[in-house]
Amino acid sequence: MPHRIGFDRERYIEMQSEHINARRAEIGGKLYLEMGGKLFDDMHASRVLPGFTPDNKIAMLERLKDDLEIIVCLNAKDLERQKVRADLGIPYEEDTLRLVDVFRERGFLVEHVVMTQLTDDNPIAHAFMDRLQRLGLKVYRHRVIPGYPTDIRRIVSPDGFGVNDYVETTRDLVVVTAPGPGSGKLATCLSQVYHEYQRGGKAGYAKFETFPIWNLPLEHPVNLAYEAATADLDDINVIDPFHLAAYGRQVTSYNRDVEVFPLLRALLETLAGESPYQSPTDMGVNMAGHCISDDEVCRDAARQEIVRRYYKALVEERREDLDDIVSSRIG
């Protein structure tokens, strides 16, 4: 039986790259684009959107390659905890180097690594910084900011973002990525926007994340499969209340974006005088939902993924003698 296709890969590459360029034009200055999820090796997306290839996002960015550069950020506390990327089984230090190598092999400009939440009493992080510098990479320090993310007056000041190193980028589209979640991508973007304005420039922020797909229903299997994939993080799909209030339209978001949006909007208003966004959905540039060519194929694939995630969680809980928290969330 031939493999059924439900997602138009080429349409996605075309539409997504055009939409990012359109957002750049709207911003009218340097755009810092936070990349959620995996830039390549995106096996989850390839399973729930048959036709989406694991390298689909990086292939899309190749359309913009001459105009963009990449910043990799890494949370110093993750190094201290010796965090490992679960899907590959390698430490975050090695995955950072792997990311740099893969990007460079595909012709992307990547020279900068930001070490976030860095403290003086973290010898593992400082040793890795030295290693990166010996390899010819430029490394920048971002400190722990007291009151982040709620104390906006302090954050947007010389005592907040002002204590962070400024990354001197050379291109107008800056993609900020990381080995895993909690690495400080958003804070890195906003810190850069702050420094751009301090230097008399203009800059903006946008987010590129494939899931949940905002223009699919909340209970669509593709979005439910995202919940199953992030059950250990306790992510929950929700209707974007800010979008509903602003436009009278129901779209899908998730709890963490909704929770942080009021603070993000206030930060952008303080940095730039106004926020271009009325909702978390407005911040995003995701066009994946427009590229589903066969909804039923994607629904079937997503249902299979939910089952796979459920049994995977059961096996891990039994093997590690854990409570059935994750499997219960999925089931």
Protein backbone atom coordinates (compact mmCIF):
# COMPACT_ATOMS: atom_id res chain seq x y z
CA MET A 1 0.00 0.00 0.00
CA PRO A 2 1.53 3.37 -1.01
CA HIS A 3 2.39 5.88 1.70
CA ARG A 4 -0.48 8.36 2.00
CA ILE A 5 0.45 12.04 1.87
CA GLY A 6 -1.50 14.64 3.82
CA PHE A 7 0.88 17.61 3.78
CA ASP A 8 2.25 19.64 0.87
CA ARG A 9 5.96 20.07 1.58
CA GLU A 10 6.74 22.40 -1.33
CA ARG A 11 3.74 24.63 -0.67
CA TYR A 12 4.89 24.94 2.94
CA ILE A 13 8.42 25.97 1.97
CA GLU A 14 7.02 28.62 -0.37
CA MET A 15 4.28 30.00 1.89
CA GLN A 16 6.30 29.94 5.10
CA SER A 17 9.33 31.74 3.67
CA GLU A 18 7.08 34.37 2.06
CA HIS A 19 5.21 34.93 5.34
CA ILE A 20 8.43 35.42 7.31
CA ASN A 21 9.58 37.95 4.71
CA ALA A 22 6.23 39.74 5.01
CA ARG A 23 6.63 39.95 8.80
CA ARG A 24 10.11 41.41 8.31
CA ALA A 25 8.61 44.11 6.09
CA GLU A 26 5.92 44.87 8.68
CA ILE A 27 8.51 45.26 11.44
CA GLY A 28 10.59 47.58 9.28
CA GLY A 29 13.83 46.76 11.08
CA LYS A 30 15.75 43.79 12.36
CA LEU A 31 13.50 40.81 13.14
CA TYR A 32 14.43 38.40 15.93
CA LEU A 33 12.63 35.14 15.20
CA GLU A 34 12.30 32.68 18.08
CA MET A 35 12.27 29.12 16.75
CA GLY A 36 10.20 26.78 18.88
CA GLY A 37 10.60 23.02 18.56
CA LYS A 38 13.23 21.38 16.41
CA LEU A 39 14.69 23.09 13.35
CA PHE A 40 15.66 19.73 11.88
CA ASP A 41 15.17 16.10 12.92
CA ASP A 42 11.51 17.02 13.53
CA MET A 43 10.25 13.46 13.61
CA HIS A 44 7.02 14.33 15.43
CA ALA A 45 5.90 16.70 12.67
CA SER A 46 6.79 14.15 10.00
CA ARG A 47 4.66 11.52 11.75
CA VAL A 48 1.51 13.62 12.29
CA LEU A 49 1.73 15.54 8.98
CA PRO A 50 2.62 12.84 6.42
CA GLY A 51 4.56 14.60 3.69
CA PHE A 52 6.33 16.95 6.11
CA THR A 53 9.96 15.86 6.08
CA PRO A 54 12.19 15.99 9.19
CA ASP A 55 14.28 18.73 7.56
CA ASN A 56 11.29 20.70 6.24
CA LYS A 57 11.86 23.78 8.42
CA ILE A 58 15.56 24.05 7.70
CA ALA A 59 14.83 23.59 3.98
CA MET A 60 12.37 26.47 4.23
CA LEU A 61 14.95 28.68 5.95
CA GLU A 62 17.39 27.94 3.12
CA ARG A 63 15.15 30.14 0.96
CA LEU A 64 16.09 33.02 3.29
CA LYS A 65 19.69 31.97 3.91
CA ASP A 66 21.38 35.01 2.38
CA ASP A 67 19.41 37.37 4.65
CA LEU A 68 19.59 35.53 7.97
CA GLU A 69 21.98 34.44 10.65
CA ILE A 70 21.48 32.10 13.57
CA ILE A 71 22.09 32.58 17.30
CA VAL A 72 22.20 29.45 19.46
CA CYS A 73 21.34 29.99 23.11
CA LEU A 74 21.99 27.64 25.98
CA ASN A 75 20.88 27.82 29.62
CA ALA A 76 23.93 27.65 31.89
CA LYS A 77 21.82 25.90 34.54
CA ASP A 78 21.12 23.05 32.10
CA LEU A 79 24.87 22.47 31.85
CA GLU A 80 25.14 22.43 35.63
CA ARG A 81 22.34 19.85 35.75
CA GLN A 82 24.09 17.90 32.97
CA LYS A 83 20.88 17.88 30.97
CA VAL A 84 20.61 15.38 28.10
CA ARG A 85 18.53 15.70 24.94
CA ALA A 86 16.09 12.83 25.41
CA ASP A 87 15.54 11.91 21.76
CA LEU A 88 19.26 11.73 20.92
CA GLY A 89 20.75 10.78 24.29
CA ILE A 90 23.50 13.40 24.10
CA PRO A 91 24.34 16.22 26.55
CA TYR A 92 23.26 19.75 25.69
CA GLU A 93 26.92 20.76 25.25
CA GLU A 94 27.39 18.24 22.45
CA ASP A 95 24.05 19.08 20.88
CA THR A 96 25.01 22.76 20.78
CA LEU A 97 28.14 21.86 18.81
CA ARG A 98 26.10 19.52 16.60
CA LEU A 99 23.63 22.31 15.82
CA VAL A 100 26.42 24.69 14.84
CA ASP A 101 28.02 22.06 12.59
CA VAL A 102 24.77 21.15 10.84
CA PHE A 103 23.83 24.78 10.24
CA ARG A 104 27.25 25.56 8.82
CA GLU A 105 27.21 22.46 6.61
CA ARG A 106 24.02 23.81 5.04
CA GLY A 107 25.59 27.21 4.44
CA PHE A 108 24.03 29.22 7.28
CA LEU A 109 25.89 31.99 9.08
CA VAL A 110 26.23 30.98 12.74
CA GLU A 111 28.94 32.59 14.84
CA HIS A 112 27.24 33.45 18.13
CA VAL A 113 26.30 31.42 21.21
CA VAL A 114 24.46 33.07 24.12
CA MET A 115 24.88 31.54 27.58
CA THR A 116 21.72 32.46 29.50
CA GLN A 117 21.19 32.63 33.29
CA LEU A 118 24.94 32.58 33.80
CA THR A 119 26.32 32.96 37.33
CA ASP A 120 29.91 33.16 38.51
CA ASP A 121 29.62 29.94 40.53
CA ASN A 122 28.99 27.64 37.55
CA PRO A 123 32.38 26.17 36.58
CA ILE A 124 30.86 23.73 34.08
CA ALA A 125 29.27 26.57 32.09
CA HIS A 126 32.44 28.67 32.19
CA ALA A 127 34.53 25.71 31.01
CA PHE A 128 32.16 25.14 28.09
CA MET A 129 32.32 28.84 27.20
CA ASP A 130 36.10 28.54 27.01
CA ARG A 131 35.73 25.49 24.78
CA LEU A 132 33.37 27.33 22.42
CA GLN A 133 35.76 30.27 22.19
CA ARG A 134 38.68 27.97 21.39
CA LEU A 135 36.57 26.62 18.52
CA GLY A 136 36.26 30.15 17.16
CA LEU A 137 32.70 30.92 18.27
CA LYS A 138 31.75 34.21 19.89
CA VAL A 139 30.15 33.65 23.29
CA TYR A 140 27.91 36.15 25.11
CA ARG A 141 26.78 36.24 28.74
CA HIS A 142 23.22 36.81 29.86
CA ARG A 143 22.76 37.17 33.59
CA VAL A 144 19.94 36.20 35.92
CA ILE A 145 17.68 39.28 36.12
CA PRO A 146 15.91 39.63 39.49
CA GLY A 147 12.15 39.93 39.01
CA TYR A 148 12.11 38.42 35.51
CA PRO A 149 9.59 38.22 33.89
CA THR A 150 7.19 40.29 36.03
CA ASP A 151 9.21 43.37 37.08
CA ILE A 152 9.00 45.12 33.73
CA ARG A 153 10.43 48.43 34.95
CA ARG A 154 13.61 46.70 36.08
CA ILE A 155 13.82 44.28 33.15
CA VAL A 156 13.69 47.05 30.55
CA SER A 157 16.48 49.10 32.13
CA PRO A 158 20.28 49.24 32.42
CA ASP A 159 19.92 46.98 35.49
CA GLY A 160 17.89 44.41 33.54
CA PHE A 161 18.52 43.66 29.87
CA GLY A 162 21.23 46.30 30.08
CA VAL A 163 23.53 43.94 32.02
CA ASN A 164 23.40 41.36 29.22
CA ASP A 165 26.00 41.26 26.49
CA TYR A 166 24.78 42.60 23.14
CA VAL A 167 25.23 40.21 20.21
CA GLU A 168 26.47 42.17 17.21
CA THR A 169 24.62 40.61 14.30
CA THR A 170 25.12 41.59 10.67
CA ARG A 171 21.87 40.54 9.01
CA ASP A 172 18.27 41.71 9.32
CA LEU A 173 16.70 38.33 10.08
CA VAL A 174 18.09 36.67 13.20
CA VAL A 175 16.87 33.18 14.05
CA VAL A 176 17.25 32.26 17.73
CA THR A 177 17.28 28.53 18.45
CA ALA A 178 18.46 26.18 21.20
CA PRO A 179 19.09 22.51 22.05
CA GLY A 180 15.87 22.28 24.04
CA PRO A 181 13.07 24.08 25.91
CA GLY A 182 13.80 26.52 28.71
CA SER A 183 17.03 27.70 27.10
CA GLY A 184 16.12 31.39 27.13
CA LYS A 185 15.21 31.98 23.48
CA LEU A 186 12.48 34.54 24.24
CA ALA A 187 14.62 36.45 26.75
CA THR A 188 17.51 36.46 24.26
CA CYS A 189 15.27 37.94 21.56
CA LEU A 190 13.86 40.62 23.86
CA SER A 191 17.29 41.50 25.25
CA GLN A 192 18.51 42.03 21.70
CA VAL A 193 15.48 44.20 20.86
CA TYR A 194 16.25 46.31 23.95
CA HIS A 195 19.87 46.80 22.90
CA GLU A 196 18.90 47.62 19.31
CA TYR A 197 16.66 50.45 20.51
CA GLN A 198 19.36 51.65 22.93
CA ARG A 199 21.63 51.97 19.90
CA GLY A 200 19.08 53.98 17.94
CA GLY A 201 17.96 51.09 15.76
CA LYS A 202 14.59 49.45 15.22
CA ALA A 203 13.83 45.81 15.87
CA GLY A 204 10.97 43.43 16.48
CA TYR A 205 10.11 39.95 17.65
CA ALA A 206 8.13 37.05 16.21
CA LYS A 207 7.73 33.37 17.04
CA PHE A 208 7.88 30.39 14.73
CA GLU A 209 6.44 27.24 16.26
CA THR A 210 4.71 24.46 14.34
CA PHE A 211 2.42 23.18 17.10
CA PRO A 212 -0.27 23.63 18.13
CA ILE A 213 -1.53 24.67 14.70
CA TRP A 214 -3.48 27.85 15.34
CA ASN A 215 -6.02 27.50 12.51
CA LEU A 216 -6.97 23.90 13.30
CA PRO A 217 -9.68 23.27 15.92
CA LEU A 218 -8.66 22.81 19.53
CA GLU A 219 -9.71 19.14 19.49
CA HIS A 220 -8.22 18.31 16.09
CA PRO A 221 -6.11 15.12 16.42
CA VAL A 222 -2.99 16.94 15.16
CA ASN A 223 -3.27 19.41 18.05
CA LEU A 224 -4.13 16.64 20.52
CA ALA A 225 -1.00 14.79 19.37
CA TYR A 226 1.01 17.87 20.32
CA GLU A 227 -0.46 17.68 23.83
CA ALA A 228 0.50 14.01 23.99
CA ALA A 229 4.05 14.82 22.86
CA THR A 230 4.45 17.45 25.59
CA ALA A 231 2.53 15.71 28.37
CA ASP A 232 5.67 15.65 30.51
CA LEU A 233 5.79 19.48 30.25
CA ASP A 234 2.09 19.80 31.14
CA ASP A 235 1.36 21.85 28.01
CA ILE A 236 -2.35 22.27 27.36
CA ASN A 237 -4.01 23.52 24.18
CA VAL A 238 -6.40 26.41 24.78
CA ILE A 239 -8.50 28.87 22.82
CA ASP A 240 -6.50 32.10 22.53
CA PRO A 241 -8.60 34.48 24.70
CA PHE A 242 -6.76 37.59 23.50
CA HIS A 243 -7.42 36.75 19.84
CA LEU A 244 -11.08 36.08 20.60
CA ALA A 245 -11.41 39.42 22.39
CA ALA A 246 -9.58 41.38 19.67
CA TYR A 247 -11.05 39.76 16.55
CA GLY A 248 -14.04 37.65 17.65
CA ARG A 249 -12.42 34.52 16.22
CA GLN A 250 -11.55 31.25 17.97
CA VAL A 251 -8.02 30.02 17.26
CA THR A 252 -5.82 27.48 19.03
CA SER A 253 -2.90 28.41 21.25
CA TYR A 254 -1.39 26.79 24.33
CA ASN A 255 -1.26 27.65 28.00
CA ARG A 256 2.32 28.91 28.27
CA ASP A 257 1.99 31.39 25.39
CA VAL A 258 -1.31 32.69 26.77
CA GLU A 259 0.13 33.04 30.28
CA VAL A 260 3.21 34.98 29.16
CA PHE A 261 1.51 37.18 26.55
CA PRO A 262 0.45 40.10 28.82
CA LEU A 263 4.04 40.42 30.02
CA LEU A 264 5.44 40.09 26.52
CA ARG A 265 3.07 42.75 25.19
CA ALA A 266 3.99 45.09 28.04
CA LEU A 267 7.69 44.51 27.38
CA LEU A 268 7.28 45.30 23.68
CA GLU A 269 5.27 48.43 24.51
CA THR A 270 8.01 49.58 26.88
CA LEU A 271 10.77 48.77 24.41
CA ALA A 272 9.20 50.11 21.22
CA GLY A 273 6.42 52.42 22.40
CA GLU A 274 3.72 50.05 21.17
CA SER A 275 3.14 46.36 20.57
CA PRO A 276 2.24 45.21 17.06
CA TYR A 277 0.46 42.20 18.53
CA GLN A 278 -3.00 41.86 20.06
CA SER A 279 -2.69 38.15 20.86
CA PRO A 280 -0.21 35.27 21.14
CA THR A 281 -1.46 34.08 17.75
CA ASP A 282 -0.51 37.43 16.21
CA MET A 283 3.10 36.87 17.31
CA GLY A 284 3.35 33.65 15.34
CA VAL A 285 4.25 33.13 11.70
CA ASN A 286 3.21 29.48 11.37
CA MET A 287 1.67 28.53 8.00
CA ALA A 288 1.58 24.74 8.46
CA GLY A 289 -2.21 24.62 8.71
CA HIS A 290 -2.54 26.13 5.24
CA CYS A 291 -0.44 23.32 3.77
CA ILE A 292 -2.49 20.31 4.88
CA SER A 293 -3.56 18.72 1.61
CA ASP A 294 -5.58 15.81 3.04
CA ASP A 295 -7.09 16.42 6.46
CA GLU A 296 -8.23 12.83 6.98
CA VAL A 297 -4.74 11.45 6.37
CA CYS A 298 -3.33 13.82 8.99
CA ARG A 299 -6.12 12.98 11.44
CA ASP A 300 -5.38 9.25 11.10
CA ALA A 301 -1.63 9.78 11.50
CA ALA A 302 -2.15 11.97 14.56
CA ARG A 303 -4.41 9.39 16.22
CA GLN A 304 -1.71 6.76 15.70
CA GLU A 305 0.85 9.12 17.23
CA ILE A 306 -1.29 9.61 20.34
CA VAL A 307 -1.49 5.82 20.79
CA ARG A 308 2.28 5.52 20.28
CA ARG A 309 2.96 8.24 22.86
CA TYR A 310 0.60 6.60 25.35
CA TYR A 311 2.30 3.20 25.20
CA LYS A 312 5.74 4.81 25.20
CA ALA A 313 4.84 6.63 28.44
CA LEU A 314 3.52 3.39 29.98
CA VAL A 315 6.77 1.58 29.19
CA GLU A 316 8.92 4.37 30.63
CA GLU A 317 6.83 4.57 33.79
CA ARG A 318 7.08 0.82 34.32
CA ARG A 319 10.81 0.73 33.56
CA GLU A 320 11.65 3.67 35.85
CA ASP A 321 9.05 2.75 38.51
CA LEU A 322 7.32 6.12 38.10
CA ASP A 323 3.79 7.22 38.86
CA ASP A 324 1.45 7.09 35.86
CA ILE A 325 1.23 10.88 35.55
CA VAL A 326 2.28 11.26 31.90
CA SER A 327 0.32 8.27 30.56
CA SER A 328 -2.78 9.48 32.45
CA ARG A 329 -2.53 12.89 30.80
CA ILE A 330 -2.33 11.27 27.37
CA GLY A 331 -4.97 8.62 27.99
